Amino acid sequence: MRLSAERDAVPREVLRALVLAAHRPDAAETDRRLPSAAPAPAAPVERGDLPPFGDGAPDNHVDVGG
């Protein structure tokens, strides 16, 4: 692990305490700290950039010269 700060911006004791307190969170801590996932949409999301014909892939064709 590496932790850094601008010289004299943070006392070394504070940086040392932060490094010593760092740990890999368990599942309960992760659940408390991370936002819950957004619910999945009930229907497929409609994309506006797909052509109404062919295989549905966007047309990325470019002319000569790119």
Protein backbone atom coordinates (compact mmCIF):
# COMPACT_ATOMS: atom_id res chain seq x y z
CA MET A 1 0.00 0.00 0.00
CA ARG A 2 1.19 3.50 -0.72
CA LEU A 3 -0.12 6.74 0.76
CA SER A 4 1.29 10.15 -0.02
CA ALA A 5 0.65 13.86 0.43
CA GLU A 6 2.32 17.15 -0.44
CA ARG A 7 5.34 17.80 1.74
CA ASP A 8 4.32 19.34 5.08
CA ALA A 9 0.61 19.30 4.08
CA VAL A 10 -0.17 16.41 6.42
CA PRO A 11 1.88 15.47 9.51
CA ARG A 12 3.74 12.16 9.22
CA GLU A 13 1.96 10.88 12.34
CA VAL A 14 -1.41 11.32 10.60
CA LEU A 15 -0.19 9.48 7.48
CA ARG A 16 1.25 6.68 9.64
CA ALA A 17 -2.03 6.32 11.58
CA LEU A 18 -3.99 6.13 8.31
CA VAL A 19 -1.74 3.43 6.90
CA LEU A 20 -1.87 1.40 10.11
CA ALA A 21 -5.69 1.65 10.21
CA ALA A 22 -6.11 0.55 6.58
CA HIS A 23 -7.70 -2.88 6.17
CA ARG A 24 -9.64 -4.99 3.71
CA PRO A 25 -13.35 -4.50 4.52
CA ASP A 26 -15.52 -7.48 5.36
CA ALA A 27 -18.92 -8.01 3.73
CA ALA A 28 -20.84 -6.18 6.48
CA GLU A 29 -18.61 -3.08 6.25
CA THR A 30 -18.87 -3.09 2.46
CA ASP A 31 -22.67 -3.22 2.70
CA ARG A 32 -22.66 -0.26 5.11
CA ARG A 33 -20.28 1.91 3.07
CA LEU A 34 -21.23 1.25 -0.55
CA PRO A 35 -24.52 2.45 -2.04
CA SER A 36 -27.08 -0.19 -2.82
CA ALA A 37 -27.40 -1.18 -6.46
CA ALA A 38 -30.08 0.49 -8.55
CA PRO A 39 -32.95 -1.84 -9.41
CA ALA A 40 -32.81 -3.41 -12.85
CA PRO A 41 -35.23 -1.91 -15.38
CA ALA A 42 -38.42 -3.93 -15.95
CA ALA A 43 -38.07 -3.68 -19.75
CA PRO A 44 -35.04 -3.47 -22.03
CA VAL A 45 -33.55 0.00 -22.32
CA GLU A 46 -34.31 1.62 -25.69
CA ARG A 47 -31.22 2.94 -27.45
CA GLY A 48 -31.59 5.81 -29.87
CA ASP A 49 -28.38 5.24 -31.84
CA LEU A 50 -29.24 1.89 -33.43
CA PRO A 51 -30.52 1.73 -37.01
CA PRO A 52 -34.02 0.27 -37.48
CA PHE A 53 -32.72 -2.19 -40.11
CA GLY A 54 -29.93 -4.77 -40.50
CA ASP A 55 -28.36 -6.49 -37.52
CA GLY A 56 -28.94 -3.53 -35.21
CA ALA A 57 -25.27 -2.58 -34.93
CA PRO A 58 -24.42 1.14 -35.14
CA ASP A 59 -22.98 2.28 -38.47
CA ASN A 60 -19.40 3.38 -37.81
CA HIS A 61 -18.46 3.59 -41.48
CA VAL A 62 -16.10 6.42 -42.41
CA ASP A 63 -15.30 7.72 -45.87
CA VAL A 64 -11.85 7.80 -47.45
CA GLY A 65 -9.44 9.76 -45.26
CA GLY A 66 -11.05 8.64 -42.06
